[in-house]
């Protein structure tokens, strides 16, 4: 049953790595120009 334990450890490691990468992406600075473009899209969509 060692293979099942190894698989569970590998899955846990993958989960942790994905969480870390996702968290880093959430913490990245969003450029002001990108924020402005998003706001323009929201205004345009709300008028339709």
Protein backbone atom coordinates (compact mmCIF):
# COMPACT_ATOMS: atom_id res chain seq x y z
CA UNK A 1 0.00 0.00 0.00
CA UNK A 2 3.08 2.21 -0.15
CA UNK A 3 2.15 3.39 -3.62
CA UNK A 4 -1.11 4.86 -2.29
CA UNK A 5 0.79 6.75 0.40
CA UNK A 6 3.27 8.07 -2.14
CA UNK A 7 0.41 9.15 -4.36
CA UNK A 8 -1.26 10.99 -1.48
CA UNK A 9 2.02 12.73 -0.59
CA UNK A 10 2.54 13.74 -4.20
CA UNK A 11 -1.02 15.08 -4.43
CA UNK A 12 -0.54 17.07 -1.22
CA UNK A 13 2.71 18.53 -2.56
CA UNK A 14 1.05 19.49 -5.84
CA UNK A 15 -1.84 21.10 -3.93
CA UNK A 16 0.56 23.16 -1.80
CA UNK A 17 2.53 24.32 -4.83
CA UNK A 18 -0.61 25.34 -6.70
CA UNK A 19 -1.91 27.25 -3.66
CA UNK A 20 1.41 29.06 -3.27
CA UNK A 21 1.57 30.06 -6.95
CA UNK A 22 -2.07 31.19 -6.92
CA UNK A 23 -1.52 33.24 -3.76
CA UNK A 24 1.54 34.90 -5.30
CA UNK A 25 -0.52 35.81 -8.37
CA UNK A 26 -3.23 37.34 -6.17
CA UNK A 27 -0.65 39.49 -4.42
CA UNK A 28 0.88 40.86 -7.63
CA UNK A 29 0.40 44.55 -8.36
CA UNK A 30 -2.12 45.32 -11.08
CA UNK A 31 -0.85 48.12 -13.34
CA UNK A 32 -2.93 51.29 -13.28
CA UNK A 33 -3.43 51.13 -17.04
CA UNK A 34 -4.98 47.68 -16.74
CA UNK A 35 -7.30 48.91 -13.96
CA UNK A 36 -8.36 51.80 -16.19
CA UNK A 37 -9.13 49.44 -19.07
CA UNK A 38 -11.23 47.23 -16.80
CA UNK A 39 -13.15 50.27 -15.56
CA UNK A 40 -13.82 51.36 -19.14
CA UNK A 41 -15.18 47.91 -19.96
CA UNK A 42 -17.43 47.94 -16.89
CA UNK A 43 -18.85 51.35 -17.82
CA UNK A 44 -19.43 50.23 -21.41
CA UNK A 45 -21.19 47.04 -20.29
CA UNK A 46 -23.40 48.89 -17.80
CA UNK A 47 -24.68 51.17 -20.60
CA UNK A 48 -25.83 48.23 -22.74
